[in-house]
């Protein structure tokens, strides 16, 4: 009986950790076809490119929850960092980078 309770407790712990994952975490296909990985890094979520010319480069750090995140994003080609935000709707992530909140560029990524 004690063993059954231990197994049941382990199942509950595993299920709660799966449910605790933020919607932003996971692998995403960028507009240019590369794969980006967004994962927890401390109290933030780090965006790293996994494929393409800039594979291995961290291109963002965001903070937030549910479907809205803010922080900074980096254009790997120009190596410039901008004020960033991300919004999630289903399997779509809209990532935006802005200078002075006026000049903005955005991309829509799809969950893999």
Protein backbone atom coordinates (compact mmCIF):
# COMPACT_ATOMS: atom_id res chain seq x y z
CA UNK A 1 0.00 0.00 0.00
CA UNK A 2 2.82 2.37 0.90
CA UNK A 3 4.44 1.71 -2.51
CA UNK A 4 1.17 2.49 -4.33
CA UNK A 5 0.89 5.82 -2.51
CA UNK A 6 4.50 6.69 -3.41
CA UNK A 7 3.88 5.90 -7.10
CA UNK A 8 0.62 7.89 -7.08
CA UNK A 9 2.45 10.84 -5.49
CA UNK A 10 5.17 10.69 -8.14
CA UNK A 11 2.54 10.67 -10.91
CA UNK A 12 0.84 13.74 -9.42
CA UNK A 13 4.18 15.57 -9.18
CA UNK A 14 5.05 14.76 -12.79
CA UNK A 15 1.61 15.84 -14.01
CA UNK A 16 1.78 19.13 -12.13
CA UNK A 17 5.20 19.95 -13.58
CA UNK A 18 3.87 19.32 -17.10
CA UNK A 19 0.89 21.58 -16.44
CA UNK A 20 3.17 24.27 -15.01
CA UNK A 21 5.06 24.73 -18.30
CA UNK A 22 4.44 28.11 -19.89
CA UNK A 23 2.84 28.24 -23.35
CA UNK A 24 5.90 30.03 -24.76
CA UNK A 25 8.22 27.12 -24.00
CA UNK A 26 9.07 24.75 -26.82
CA UNK A 27 10.36 24.59 -30.38
CA UNK A 28 9.17 27.18 -32.90
CA UNK A 29 9.58 27.54 -36.68
CA UNK A 30 10.63 31.10 -37.56
CA UNK A 31 9.41 32.99 -40.63
CA UNK A 32 12.74 32.31 -42.35
CA UNK A 33 12.48 28.57 -41.67
CA UNK A 34 14.95 28.18 -38.81
CA UNK A 35 14.13 26.38 -35.60
CA UNK A 36 14.14 28.39 -32.37
CA UNK A 37 13.95 26.94 -28.89
CA UNK A 38 12.36 28.89 -26.04
CA UNK A 39 13.10 27.55 -22.60
CA UNK A 40 13.17 28.67 -19.00
CA UNK A 41 16.41 30.35 -17.92
CA UNK A 42 16.12 31.53 -14.33
CA UNK A 43 13.08 33.78 -14.02
CA UNK A 44 13.05 34.48 -17.77
CA UNK A 45 12.56 32.59 -21.02
CA UNK A 46 15.55 32.50 -23.36
CA UNK A 47 15.20 32.26 -27.13
CA UNK A 48 18.00 30.38 -28.90
CA UNK A 49 18.33 29.52 -32.57
CA UNK A 50 18.92 25.81 -33.17
CA UNK A 51 19.32 25.75 -36.96
CA UNK A 52 20.51 28.07 -39.70
CA UNK A 53 23.39 30.52 -40.03
CA UNK A 54 23.09 31.71 -36.42
CA UNK A 55 22.52 28.31 -34.77
CA UNK A 56 23.50 28.36 -31.11
CA UNK A 57 23.00 32.11 -30.72
CA UNK A 58 20.68 33.40 -27.99
CA UNK A 59 18.42 35.99 -29.62
CA UNK A 60 16.11 36.97 -26.80
CA UNK A 61 15.15 36.99 -23.17
CA UNK A 62 11.51 37.47 -22.19
CA UNK A 63 9.52 37.49 -18.98
CA UNK A 64 5.80 36.99 -18.51
CA UNK A 65 3.15 34.33 -18.35
CA UNK A 66 0.12 32.86 -20.07
CA UNK A 67 0.01 34.59 -23.48
CA UNK A 68 1.96 37.87 -23.00
CA UNK A 69 5.70 38.31 -22.56
CA UNK A 70 8.09 41.28 -22.65
CA UNK A 71 11.85 41.73 -22.62
CA UNK A 72 14.43 42.05 -25.34
CA UNK A 73 15.07 40.45 -28.72
CA UNK A 74 18.18 40.52 -30.88
CA UNK A 75 18.37 40.64 -34.65
CA UNK A 76 21.19 38.13 -35.22
CA UNK A 77 22.09 39.52 -38.67
CA UNK A 78 22.58 43.09 -37.40
CA UNK A 79 23.60 41.99 -33.87
CA UNK A 80 21.33 44.71 -32.43
CA UNK A 81 19.05 44.27 -29.44
CA UNK A 82 15.58 45.81 -29.23
CA UNK A 83 12.75 46.11 -26.75
CA UNK A 84 10.68 43.03 -27.39
CA UNK A 85 7.36 41.41 -26.78
CA UNK A 86 5.65 38.16 -27.62
CA UNK A 87 2.00 37.19 -27.73
CA UNK A 88 0.76 33.63 -28.07
CA UNK A 89 -2.47 32.53 -29.66
CA UNK A 90 -2.83 28.76 -29.93
CA UNK A 91 0.20 27.46 -31.86
CA UNK A 92 1.21 30.90 -33.11
CA UNK A 93 3.72 33.27 -31.53
CA UNK A 94 3.90 36.91 -32.65
CA UNK A 95 7.34 38.28 -31.76
CA UNK A 96 7.92 42.03 -31.99
CA UNK A 97 11.06 44.15 -31.59
CA UNK A 98 10.90 47.95 -31.30
CA UNK A 99 13.14 51.01 -31.08
CA UNK A 100 11.60 53.76 -28.94
CA UNK A 101 8.26 51.90 -29.18
CA UNK A 102 7.79 53.60 -32.56
CA UNK A 103 9.81 51.69 -35.12
CA UNK A 104 8.81 48.05 -34.83
CA UNK A 105 9.23 44.84 -36.79
CA UNK A 106 7.37 41.66 -36.08
CA UNK A 107 7.46 38.02 -37.08
CA UNK A 108 4.95 35.24 -36.68
CA UNK A 109 6.34 31.87 -35.63
CA UNK A 110 4.57 28.50 -35.59
CA UNK A 111 4.90 25.84 -32.91
CA UNK A 112 6.61 22.68 -34.14
